[in-house]
């Protein structure tokens, strides 16, 4: 098994799954050499015992056809992929599992980097989700008071109002002054 990395599309490729990138084929430019042998059809003249047979040119059947590597048409590994050692592959996978992001360097080799910080929109979505979860948690207390006919405690009303007003705080969503959950 050999591992390759491609920048486009970004990812790893395994020869056991995607096939070998190259295969060996007979060199299409190769021309079988010839050799000279005595003409097997020649007959020794009866009047000249010293005569030698003429030499004829025949294909050299003992010559080995040279093999050349070519792109394997059945291979699913991109042509631009670079081979990665097993140890480097293990390092990269461990870093990715730890939260790093895989990228390609200019020379096409893999590298892992820290993920970018969240955008302001992502931070706002996280803060809004937390606020919504806190409101939902307090819904049960409001419902219980309403079902029992008791007034909703003013501390709970203020807490829920403070949660709803969080997006109007200066610094929202990067700096949030979360209200304290009231003790009921």
N, C-alpha and C. Protein backbone atom coordinates (compact mmCIF):
# COMPACT_ATOMS: atom_id res chain seq x y z
N UNK A 1 0.85 -1.17 0.00
CA UNK A 1 0.00 0.00 0.00
C UNK A 1 0.89 1.24 0.00
N UNK A 2 0.55 2.17 -0.87
CA UNK A 2 1.23 3.45 -0.90
C UNK A 2 0.16 4.54 -0.80
N UNK A 3 0.52 5.64 -0.13
CA UNK A 3 -0.41 6.74 0.10
C UNK A 3 0.04 7.94 -0.72
N UNK A 4 -0.94 8.58 -1.35
CA UNK A 4 -0.68 9.79 -2.13
C UNK A 4 -1.58 10.90 -1.60
N UNK A 5 -1.12 12.15 -1.82
CA UNK A 5 -1.90 13.33 -1.43
C UNK A 5 -2.08 14.19 -2.68
N UNK A 6 -3.29 14.68 -2.86
CA UNK A 6 -3.56 15.59 -3.98
C UNK A 6 -4.16 16.88 -3.44
N UNK A 7 -3.69 17.99 -4.02
CA UNK A 7 -4.21 19.30 -3.61
C UNK A 7 -5.58 19.55 -4.23
N UNK A 8 -5.81 18.96 -5.41
CA UNK A 8 -7.08 19.19 -6.11
C UNK A 8 -7.55 17.90 -6.72
N UNK A 9 -8.59 17.26 -6.28
CA UNK A 9 -9.33 17.61 -5.08
C UNK A 9 -8.54 17.24 -3.84
N UNK A 10 -8.64 18.05 -2.81
CA UNK A 10 -7.87 17.90 -1.59
C UNK A 10 -8.18 16.57 -0.92
N UNK A 11 -7.15 15.73 -0.72
CA UNK A 11 -7.39 14.48 -0.02
C UNK A 11 -6.27 13.47 -0.20
N UNK A 12 -6.43 12.37 0.50
CA UNK A 12 -5.47 11.27 0.44
C UNK A 12 -6.02 10.16 -0.44
N UNK A 13 -5.12 9.42 -1.03
CA UNK A 13 -5.47 8.31 -1.93
C UNK A 13 -4.59 7.12 -1.59
N UNK A 14 -5.19 5.95 -1.60
CA UNK A 14 -4.53 4.71 -1.24
C UNK A 14 -4.49 3.81 -2.48
N UNK A 15 -3.29 3.28 -2.79
CA UNK A 15 -3.17 2.46 -3.99
C UNK A 15 -4.00 1.18 -3.90
N UNK A 16 -4.27 0.70 -2.70
CA UNK A 16 -5.08 -0.51 -2.57
C UNK A 16 -6.54 -0.23 -2.95
N UNK A 17 -6.96 1.01 -2.80
CA UNK A 17 -8.34 1.39 -3.12
C UNK A 17 -8.42 2.01 -4.52
N UNK A 18 -7.50 2.92 -4.81
CA UNK A 18 -7.57 3.71 -6.04
C UNK A 18 -6.69 3.19 -7.18
N UNK A 19 -5.89 2.17 -6.91
CA UNK A 19 -5.04 1.59 -7.94
C UNK A 19 -3.68 2.27 -8.02
N UNK A 20 -2.75 1.57 -8.64
CA UNK A 20 -1.40 2.11 -8.83
C UNK A 20 -1.45 3.21 -9.89
N UNK A 21 -0.71 4.30 -9.67
CA UNK A 21 -0.73 5.39 -10.65
C UNK A 21 -0.11 5.01 -12.00
N UNK A 22 0.86 4.12 -11.98
CA UNK A 22 1.50 3.74 -13.25
C UNK A 22 1.50 2.23 -13.39
N UNK A 23 1.57 1.80 -14.65
CA UNK A 23 1.73 0.38 -14.96
C UNK A 23 2.86 0.28 -15.99
N UNK A 24 3.41 -0.90 -16.13
CA UNK A 24 4.49 -1.12 -17.11
C UNK A 24 3.90 -1.79 -18.34
N UNK A 25 4.26 -1.23 -19.48
CA UNK A 25 3.84 -1.83 -20.75
C UNK A 25 5.06 -1.96 -21.64
N UNK A 26 4.94 -2.79 -22.67
CA UNK A 26 6.01 -2.92 -23.65
C UNK A 26 6.22 -1.57 -24.33
N UNK A 27 7.47 -1.17 -24.46
CA UNK A 27 7.80 0.11 -25.08
C UNK A 27 7.29 0.12 -26.52
N UNK A 28 6.32 0.99 -26.83
CA UNK A 28 5.78 0.99 -28.18
C UNK A 28 6.77 1.47 -29.23
N UNK A 29 7.82 2.16 -28.80
CA UNK A 29 8.83 2.64 -29.76
C UNK A 29 9.93 1.61 -30.00
N UNK A 30 9.88 0.50 -29.27
CA UNK A 30 10.94 -0.49 -29.37
C UNK A 30 10.82 -1.27 -30.67
N UNK A 31 11.94 -1.48 -31.29
CA UNK A 31 12.00 -2.29 -32.50
C UNK A 31 12.88 -3.49 -32.17
N UNK A 32 12.33 -4.65 -32.44
CA UNK A 32 13.07 -5.87 -32.13
C UNK A 32 14.38 -5.85 -32.93
N UNK A 33 15.51 -6.11 -32.26
CA UNK A 33 16.78 -6.15 -32.98
C UNK A 33 16.88 -7.43 -33.83
N UNK A 34 17.80 -7.39 -34.72
CA UNK A 34 18.05 -8.56 -35.56
C UNK A 34 19.44 -9.08 -35.29
N UNK A 35 19.68 -10.29 -35.76
CA UNK A 35 21.02 -10.86 -35.66
C UNK A 35 21.30 -11.63 -36.95
N UNK A 36 22.58 -11.83 -37.20
CA UNK A 36 22.99 -12.57 -38.40
C UNK A 36 23.21 -14.03 -38.04
N UNK A 37 22.63 -14.90 -38.87
CA UNK A 37 22.84 -16.35 -38.68
C UNK A 37 23.11 -16.95 -40.06
N UNK A 38 23.75 -18.11 -40.03
CA UNK A 38 23.96 -18.79 -41.33
C UNK A 38 22.61 -19.16 -41.93
N UNK A 39 22.51 -19.01 -43.23
CA UNK A 39 21.26 -19.31 -43.94
C UNK A 39 20.96 -20.80 -43.80
N UNK A 40 19.85 -21.15 -43.12
CA UNK A 40 19.54 -22.57 -42.92
C UNK A 40 19.14 -23.28 -44.23
N UNK A 41 18.79 -22.53 -45.25
CA UNK A 41 18.40 -23.14 -46.53
C UNK A 41 19.61 -23.37 -47.44
N UNK A 42 20.76 -22.90 -47.03
CA UNK A 42 21.97 -23.03 -47.85
C UNK A 42 22.44 -24.47 -47.86
N UNK A 43 22.84 -24.90 -49.02
CA UNK A 43 23.40 -26.25 -49.14
C UNK A 43 24.86 -26.12 -49.55
N UNK A 44 25.67 -26.94 -48.93
CA UNK A 44 27.11 -26.95 -49.20
C UNK A 44 27.34 -27.41 -50.65
N UNK A 45 28.02 -26.61 -51.46
CA UNK A 45 28.30 -27.07 -52.82
C UNK A 45 29.25 -28.27 -52.79
N UNK A 46 29.00 -29.23 -53.64
CA UNK A 46 29.83 -30.45 -53.66
C UNK A 46 31.22 -30.18 -54.18
N UNK A 47 31.40 -29.15 -54.92
CA UNK A 47 32.73 -28.90 -55.48
C UNK A 47 33.55 -27.93 -54.64
N UNK A 48 32.98 -27.40 -53.50
CA UNK A 48 33.74 -26.47 -52.67
C UNK A 48 33.48 -26.76 -51.20
N UNK A 49 34.26 -27.59 -50.63
CA UNK A 49 34.10 -27.99 -49.24
C UNK A 49 34.45 -26.86 -48.28
N UNK A 50 35.18 -25.88 -48.74
CA UNK A 50 35.58 -24.77 -47.87
C UNK A 50 34.58 -23.63 -47.89
N UNK A 51 33.57 -23.70 -48.72
CA UNK A 51 32.59 -22.61 -48.81
C UNK A 51 31.84 -22.47 -47.49
N UNK A 52 31.56 -21.24 -47.15
CA UNK A 52 30.80 -20.96 -45.93
C UNK A 52 29.41 -20.46 -46.30
N UNK A 53 28.44 -20.76 -45.49
CA UNK A 53 27.08 -20.35 -45.81
C UNK A 53 26.95 -18.83 -45.75
N UNK A 54 26.07 -18.28 -46.54
CA UNK A 54 25.84 -16.84 -46.43
C UNK A 54 25.09 -16.54 -45.13
N UNK A 55 25.30 -15.33 -44.62
CA UNK A 55 24.63 -14.91 -43.38
C UNK A 55 23.33 -14.19 -43.76
N UNK A 56 22.31 -14.47 -42.99
CA UNK A 56 21.04 -13.78 -43.21
C UNK A 56 20.63 -13.08 -41.92
N UNK A 57 19.86 -12.03 -42.07
CA UNK A 57 19.40 -11.26 -40.92
C UNK A 57 18.02 -11.79 -40.51
N UNK A 58 17.91 -12.11 -39.18
CA UNK A 58 16.64 -12.62 -38.64
C UNK A 58 16.34 -11.89 -37.32
N UNK A 59 15.06 -11.84 -36.93
CA UNK A 59 14.74 -11.22 -35.63
C UNK A 59 15.42 -11.97 -34.49
N UNK A 60 15.92 -11.19 -33.51
CA UNK A 60 16.57 -11.79 -32.34
C UNK A 60 15.47 -12.13 -31.33
N UNK A 61 15.08 -13.38 -31.29
CA UNK A 61 13.98 -13.82 -30.41
C UNK A 61 14.39 -13.87 -28.94
N UNK A 62 15.67 -13.74 -28.67
CA UNK A 62 16.13 -13.75 -27.28
C UNK A 62 16.15 -12.36 -26.66
N UNK A 63 15.99 -11.34 -27.48
CA UNK A 63 15.99 -9.97 -26.95
C UNK A 63 14.73 -9.75 -26.12
N UNK A 64 14.89 -9.10 -24.96
CA UNK A 64 13.75 -8.84 -24.08
C UNK A 64 13.14 -7.49 -24.41
N UNK A 65 11.86 -7.46 -24.45
CA UNK A 65 11.13 -6.23 -24.73
C UNK A 65 11.28 -5.31 -23.52
N UNK A 66 11.78 -4.08 -23.71
CA UNK A 66 11.87 -3.17 -22.56
C UNK A 66 10.48 -2.69 -22.16
N UNK A 67 10.31 -2.50 -20.86
CA UNK A 67 9.04 -2.03 -20.33
C UNK A 67 9.17 -0.57 -19.95
N UNK A 68 8.12 0.20 -20.18
CA UNK A 68 8.11 1.61 -19.82
C UNK A 68 6.89 1.90 -18.95
N UNK A 69 7.06 2.78 -17.97
CA UNK A 69 5.90 3.13 -17.13
C UNK A 69 4.98 4.09 -17.87
N UNK A 70 3.67 3.87 -17.73
CA UNK A 70 2.66 4.77 -18.29
C UNK A 70 1.58 4.97 -17.24
N UNK A 71 0.82 6.03 -17.38
CA UNK A 71 -0.30 6.31 -16.47
C UNK A 71 -1.31 5.16 -16.56
N UNK A 72 -1.71 4.67 -15.39
CA UNK A 72 -2.69 3.60 -15.31
C UNK A 72 -4.08 4.18 -15.56
N UNK A 73 -4.75 3.81 -16.64
CA UNK A 73 -6.06 4.39 -16.92
C UNK A 73 -7.12 4.00 -15.89
N UNK A 74 -6.89 2.94 -15.13
CA UNK A 74 -7.85 2.50 -14.12
C UNK A 74 -7.59 3.13 -12.76
N UNK A 75 -6.55 3.97 -12.65
CA UNK A 75 -6.18 4.56 -11.36
C UNK A 75 -7.06 5.77 -11.06
N UNK A 76 -7.52 5.85 -9.82
CA UNK A 76 -8.35 6.98 -9.39
C UNK A 76 -7.57 8.06 -8.68
N UNK A 77 -6.25 7.97 -8.69
CA UNK A 77 -5.41 8.97 -8.04
C UNK A 77 -5.12 10.10 -9.04
N UNK A 78 -5.37 11.36 -8.66
CA UNK A 78 -5.08 12.45 -9.60
C UNK A 78 -3.61 12.46 -10.02
N UNK A 79 -3.35 12.87 -11.24
CA UNK A 79 -1.98 12.89 -11.76
C UNK A 79 -1.09 13.83 -10.98
N UNK A 80 -1.64 14.86 -10.39
CA UNK A 80 -0.84 15.84 -9.65
C UNK A 80 -0.49 15.38 -8.23
N UNK A 81 -0.98 14.21 -7.82
CA UNK A 81 -0.76 13.73 -6.45
C UNK A 81 0.72 13.44 -6.19
N UNK A 82 1.11 13.64 -4.93
CA UNK A 82 2.48 13.35 -4.50
C UNK A 82 2.43 12.23 -3.47
N UNK A 83 3.44 11.38 -3.50
CA UNK A 83 3.47 10.26 -2.55
C UNK A 83 3.84 10.77 -1.16
N UNK A 84 3.20 10.19 -0.15
CA UNK A 84 3.43 10.55 1.25
C UNK A 84 3.87 9.29 1.98
N UNK A 85 4.92 9.41 2.79
CA UNK A 85 5.39 8.24 3.54
C UNK A 85 4.33 7.83 4.57
N UNK A 86 4.39 6.59 4.99
CA UNK A 86 3.43 6.08 5.98
C UNK A 86 3.53 6.85 7.29
N UNK A 87 4.75 7.20 7.71
CA UNK A 87 4.91 7.94 8.96
C UNK A 87 4.35 9.36 8.84
N UNK A 88 4.57 10.01 7.71
CA UNK A 88 4.04 11.36 7.51
C UNK A 88 2.51 11.33 7.45
N UNK A 89 1.98 10.31 6.80
CA UNK A 89 0.53 10.15 6.72
C UNK A 89 -0.06 10.00 8.13
N UNK A 90 0.60 9.20 8.97
CA UNK A 90 0.12 9.00 10.35
C UNK A 90 0.18 10.32 11.13
N UNK A 91 1.25 11.10 10.94
CA UNK A 91 1.37 12.39 11.61
C UNK A 91 0.23 13.33 11.19
N UNK A 92 -0.02 13.37 9.89
CA UNK A 92 -1.07 14.25 9.37
C UNK A 92 -2.44 13.84 9.89
N UNK A 93 -2.73 12.55 9.89
CA UNK A 93 -4.03 12.06 10.37
C UNK A 93 -4.21 12.39 11.85
N UNK A 94 -3.14 12.24 12.65
CA UNK A 94 -3.23 12.55 14.08
C UNK A 94 -3.51 14.04 14.28
N UNK A 95 -2.86 14.88 13.49
CA UNK A 95 -3.06 16.33 13.61
C UNK A 95 -4.49 16.71 13.20
N UNK A 96 -5.00 16.08 12.16
CA UNK A 96 -6.37 16.35 11.71
C UNK A 96 -7.36 15.92 12.80
N UNK A 97 -7.10 14.77 13.42
CA UNK A 97 -7.97 14.29 14.50
C UNK A 97 -7.95 15.24 15.70
N UNK A 98 -6.82 15.96 15.85
CA UNK A 98 -6.68 16.90 16.97
C UNK A 98 -7.25 18.28 16.63
N UNK A 99 -7.87 18.42 15.44
CA UNK A 99 -8.53 19.67 15.11
C UNK A 99 -7.83 20.53 14.08
N UNK A 100 -6.66 20.09 13.60
CA UNK A 100 -5.96 20.87 12.57
C UNK A 100 -6.68 20.72 11.23
N UNK A 101 -6.36 21.60 10.30
CA UNK A 101 -6.98 21.59 8.97
C UNK A 101 -5.93 21.22 7.94
N UNK A 102 -6.30 20.34 7.02
CA UNK A 102 -5.40 19.89 5.96
C UNK A 102 -5.41 20.89 4.82
N UNK A 103 -4.19 21.24 4.35
CA UNK A 103 -4.04 22.13 3.21
C UNK A 103 -2.89 21.62 2.35
N UNK A 104 -2.76 22.21 1.17
CA UNK A 104 -1.64 21.88 0.28
C UNK A 104 -0.70 23.06 0.23
N UNK A 105 0.60 22.75 0.28
CA UNK A 105 1.60 23.80 0.11
C UNK A 105 1.75 24.07 -1.39
N UNK A 106 2.52 25.10 -1.73
CA UNK A 106 2.68 25.46 -3.14
C UNK A 106 3.26 24.32 -3.96
N UNK A 107 4.12 23.50 -3.35
CA UNK A 107 4.72 22.38 -4.09
C UNK A 107 3.82 21.15 -4.14
N UNK A 108 2.59 21.27 -3.60
CA UNK A 108 1.63 20.17 -3.66
C UNK A 108 1.71 19.20 -2.50
N UNK A 109 2.63 19.42 -1.56
CA UNK A 109 2.74 18.51 -0.42
C UNK A 109 1.74 18.92 0.66
N UNK A 110 1.31 17.95 1.48
CA UNK A 110 0.31 18.27 2.51
C UNK A 110 0.92 18.94 3.73
N UNK A 111 0.12 19.77 4.35
CA UNK A 111 0.50 20.43 5.59
C UNK A 111 -0.78 20.62 6.40
N UNK A 112 -0.65 20.63 7.73
CA UNK A 112 -1.80 20.90 8.58
C UNK A 112 -1.59 22.24 9.27
N UNK A 113 -2.67 22.97 9.41
CA UNK A 113 -2.61 24.30 10.02
C UNK A 113 -3.73 24.43 11.04
N UNK A 114 -3.59 25.44 11.89
CA UNK A 114 -4.66 25.71 12.85
C UNK A 114 -5.90 26.19 12.08
N UNK A 115 -7.07 25.83 12.56
CA UNK A 115 -8.28 26.32 11.89
C UNK A 115 -8.38 27.83 12.08
N UNK A 116 -9.02 28.51 11.16
CA UNK A 116 -9.19 29.96 11.34
C UNK A 116 -10.12 30.22 12.51
N UNK A 117 -9.98 31.39 13.12
CA UNK A 117 -10.91 31.71 14.22
C UNK A 117 -12.32 31.84 13.66
N UNK A 118 -13.32 31.65 14.51
CA UNK A 118 -14.70 31.77 14.02
C UNK A 118 -14.98 33.20 13.56
N UNK A 119 -15.84 33.31 12.58
CA UNK A 119 -16.24 34.63 12.09
C UNK A 119 -17.18 35.27 13.10
N UNK A 120 -17.43 36.55 12.93
CA UNK A 120 -18.35 37.26 13.82
C UNK A 120 -19.75 36.64 13.72
N UNK A 121 -20.15 36.25 12.53
CA UNK A 121 -21.47 35.60 12.36
C UNK A 121 -21.52 34.27 13.09
N UNK A 122 -20.42 33.51 13.04
CA UNK A 122 -20.38 32.22 13.75
C UNK A 122 -20.42 32.43 15.26
N UNK A 123 -19.69 33.43 15.75
CA UNK A 123 -19.72 33.74 17.19
C UNK A 123 -21.12 34.16 17.61
N UNK A 124 -21.77 34.98 16.77
CA UNK A 124 -23.14 35.41 17.07
C UNK A 124 -24.10 34.23 17.10
N UNK A 125 -23.93 33.30 16.17
CA UNK A 125 -24.81 32.12 16.13
C UNK A 125 -24.63 31.27 17.38
N UNK A 126 -23.39 31.13 17.84
CA UNK A 126 -23.12 30.34 19.06
C UNK A 126 -23.74 31.02 20.28
N UNK A 127 -23.53 32.34 20.38
CA UNK A 127 -24.09 33.07 21.53
C UNK A 127 -25.61 33.06 21.50
N UNK A 128 -26.18 33.21 20.31
CA UNK A 128 -27.65 33.19 20.20
C UNK A 128 -28.20 31.82 20.57
N UNK A 129 -27.52 30.76 20.14
CA UNK A 129 -27.95 29.40 20.48
C UNK A 129 -27.89 29.18 22.00
N UNK A 130 -26.85 29.70 22.64
CA UNK A 130 -26.74 29.55 24.10
C UNK A 130 -27.87 30.32 24.78
N UNK A 131 -28.11 31.56 24.32
CA UNK A 131 -29.19 32.36 24.89
C UNK A 131 -30.54 31.66 24.72
N UNK A 132 -30.79 31.14 23.52
CA UNK A 132 -32.06 30.46 23.26
C UNK A 132 -32.21 29.21 24.14
N UNK A 133 -31.11 28.50 24.36
CA UNK A 133 -31.17 27.31 25.22
C UNK A 133 -31.49 27.70 26.66
N UNK A 134 -30.90 28.81 27.13
CA UNK A 134 -31.18 29.28 28.49
C UNK A 134 -32.64 29.72 28.62
N UNK A 135 -33.16 30.38 27.59
CA UNK A 135 -34.58 30.76 27.62
C UNK A 135 -35.47 29.52 27.65
N UNK A 136 -35.11 28.53 26.85
CA UNK A 136 -35.92 27.31 26.80
C UNK A 136 -35.88 26.58 28.14
N UNK A 137 -34.72 26.58 28.78
CA UNK A 137 -34.63 25.94 30.10
C UNK A 137 -35.54 26.63 31.12
N UNK A 138 -35.66 27.95 31.01
CA UNK A 138 -36.49 28.68 31.99
C UNK A 138 -37.98 28.62 31.65
N UNK A 139 -38.31 28.16 30.43
CA UNK A 139 -39.72 28.01 30.05
C UNK A 139 -40.48 27.12 31.03
N UNK A 140 -39.84 26.06 31.48
CA UNK A 140 -40.51 25.11 32.39
C UNK A 140 -40.91 25.80 33.70
N UNK A 141 -40.05 26.71 34.18
CA UNK A 141 -40.37 27.42 35.43
C UNK A 141 -41.57 28.35 35.24
N UNK A 142 -41.60 29.03 34.09
CA UNK A 142 -42.72 29.93 33.79
C UNK A 142 -44.00 29.12 33.66
N UNK A 143 -43.94 28.01 32.94
CA UNK A 143 -45.10 27.17 32.72
C UNK A 143 -45.62 26.61 34.04
N UNK A 144 -44.71 26.19 34.92
CA UNK A 144 -45.12 25.63 36.21
C UNK A 144 -45.86 26.68 37.03
N UNK A 145 -45.35 27.93 37.02
CA UNK A 145 -46.01 29.00 37.79
C UNK A 145 -47.38 29.30 37.19
N UNK A 146 -47.47 29.34 35.88
CA UNK A 146 -48.74 29.64 35.22
C UNK A 146 -49.77 28.53 35.48
N UNK A 147 -49.33 27.29 35.43
CA UNK A 147 -50.26 26.17 35.65
C UNK A 147 -50.76 26.11 37.08
N UNK A 148 -49.92 26.54 38.01
CA UNK A 148 -50.34 26.48 39.42
C UNK A 148 -51.14 27.73 39.82
N UNK A 149 -51.20 28.68 38.90
CA UNK A 149 -51.93 29.92 39.22
C UNK A 149 -51.09 30.89 40.03
N UNK A 150 -49.84 30.58 40.24
CA UNK A 150 -48.94 31.47 40.99
C UNK A 150 -48.36 32.50 40.04
N UNK A 151 -48.02 33.66 40.58
CA UNK A 151 -47.37 34.64 39.71
C UNK A 151 -45.95 34.18 39.37
N UNK A 152 -45.51 34.56 38.17
CA UNK A 152 -44.13 34.24 37.77
C UNK A 152 -43.21 35.12 38.58
N UNK A 153 -42.23 34.55 39.27
CA UNK A 153 -41.33 35.37 40.12
C UNK A 153 -40.69 36.49 39.30
N UNK A 154 -40.62 37.67 39.89
CA UNK A 154 -40.07 38.83 39.18
C UNK A 154 -38.61 38.61 38.82
N UNK A 155 -37.86 37.87 39.62
CA UNK A 155 -36.45 37.58 39.29
C UNK A 155 -36.36 36.76 38.01
N UNK A 156 -37.32 35.84 37.82
CA UNK A 156 -37.34 35.02 36.60
C UNK A 156 -37.73 35.86 35.40
N UNK A 157 -38.69 36.76 35.59
CA UNK A 157 -39.10 37.65 34.49
C UNK A 157 -37.91 38.52 34.07
N UNK A 158 -37.20 39.07 35.07
CA UNK A 158 -36.04 39.92 34.77
C UNK A 158 -34.94 39.12 34.07
N UNK A 159 -34.70 37.90 34.54
CA UNK A 159 -33.69 37.03 33.94
C UNK A 159 -34.01 36.78 32.46
N UNK A 160 -35.26 36.46 32.16
CA UNK A 160 -35.65 36.18 30.77
C UNK A 160 -35.57 37.46 29.92
N UNK A 161 -35.93 38.60 30.51
CA UNK A 161 -35.81 39.88 29.78
C UNK A 161 -34.34 40.17 29.48
N UNK A 162 -33.49 39.94 30.48
CA UNK A 162 -32.04 40.17 30.28
C UNK A 162 -31.49 39.24 29.18
N UNK A 163 -31.97 38.01 29.14
CA UNK A 163 -31.53 37.09 28.09
C UNK A 163 -31.96 37.60 26.70
N UNK A 164 -33.21 38.05 26.61
CA UNK A 164 -33.71 38.54 25.31
C UNK A 164 -32.97 39.81 24.87
N UNK A 165 -32.52 40.62 25.84
CA UNK A 165 -31.85 41.88 25.52
C UNK A 165 -30.35 41.72 25.26
N UNK A 166 -29.82 40.53 25.41
CA UNK A 166 -28.37 40.34 25.22
C UNK A 166 -27.85 40.88 23.89
N UNK A 167 -28.54 40.69 22.76
CA UNK A 167 -28.00 41.20 21.50
C UNK A 167 -27.87 42.72 21.44
N UNK A 168 -28.50 43.44 22.38
CA UNK A 168 -28.38 44.90 22.39
C UNK A 168 -27.23 45.37 23.28
N UNK A 169 -26.56 44.44 23.98
CA UNK A 169 -25.43 44.80 24.84
C UNK A 169 -24.26 45.30 23.99
N UNK A 170 -23.53 46.29 24.47
CA UNK A 170 -22.30 46.67 23.78
C UNK A 170 -21.33 45.48 23.81
N UNK A 171 -20.69 45.22 22.69
CA UNK A 171 -19.74 44.10 22.62
C UNK A 171 -20.32 42.80 22.12
N UNK A 172 -21.67 42.75 22.03
CA UNK A 172 -22.30 41.51 21.52
C UNK A 172 -21.78 41.24 20.13
N UNK A 173 -21.46 40.06 19.76
CA UNK A 173 -21.53 38.78 20.47
C UNK A 173 -20.19 38.33 21.05
N UNK A 174 -19.13 39.18 20.87
CA UNK A 174 -17.81 38.72 21.34
C UNK A 174 -17.62 38.87 22.84
N UNK A 175 -18.26 39.90 23.41
CA UNK A 175 -18.18 40.11 24.86
C UNK A 175 -19.62 40.10 25.36
N UNK A 176 -19.93 39.08 26.17
CA UNK A 176 -21.31 38.92 26.64
C UNK A 176 -21.31 38.87 28.16
N UNK A 177 -22.13 39.71 28.77
CA UNK A 177 -22.32 39.69 30.22
C UNK A 177 -23.57 38.87 30.49
N UNK A 178 -23.36 37.56 30.68
CA UNK A 178 -24.51 36.65 30.85
C UNK A 178 -25.18 36.90 32.19
N UNK A 179 -26.51 37.00 32.20
CA UNK A 179 -27.22 37.21 33.48
C UNK A 179 -27.14 35.94 34.33
N UNK A 180 -27.19 36.18 35.64
CA UNK A 180 -27.16 35.07 36.59
C UNK A 180 -28.54 34.40 36.63
N UNK A 181 -28.53 33.07 36.71
CA UNK A 181 -29.79 32.33 36.84
C UNK A 181 -30.31 32.62 38.24
N UNK A 182 -31.57 33.05 38.35
CA UNK A 182 -32.10 33.39 39.68
C UNK A 182 -32.30 32.13 40.54
N UNK A 183 -32.06 32.31 41.81
CA UNK A 183 -32.32 31.20 42.75
C UNK A 183 -33.79 31.26 43.12
N UNK A 184 -34.52 30.21 42.80
CA UNK A 184 -35.95 30.20 43.09
C UNK A 184 -36.30 29.18 44.12
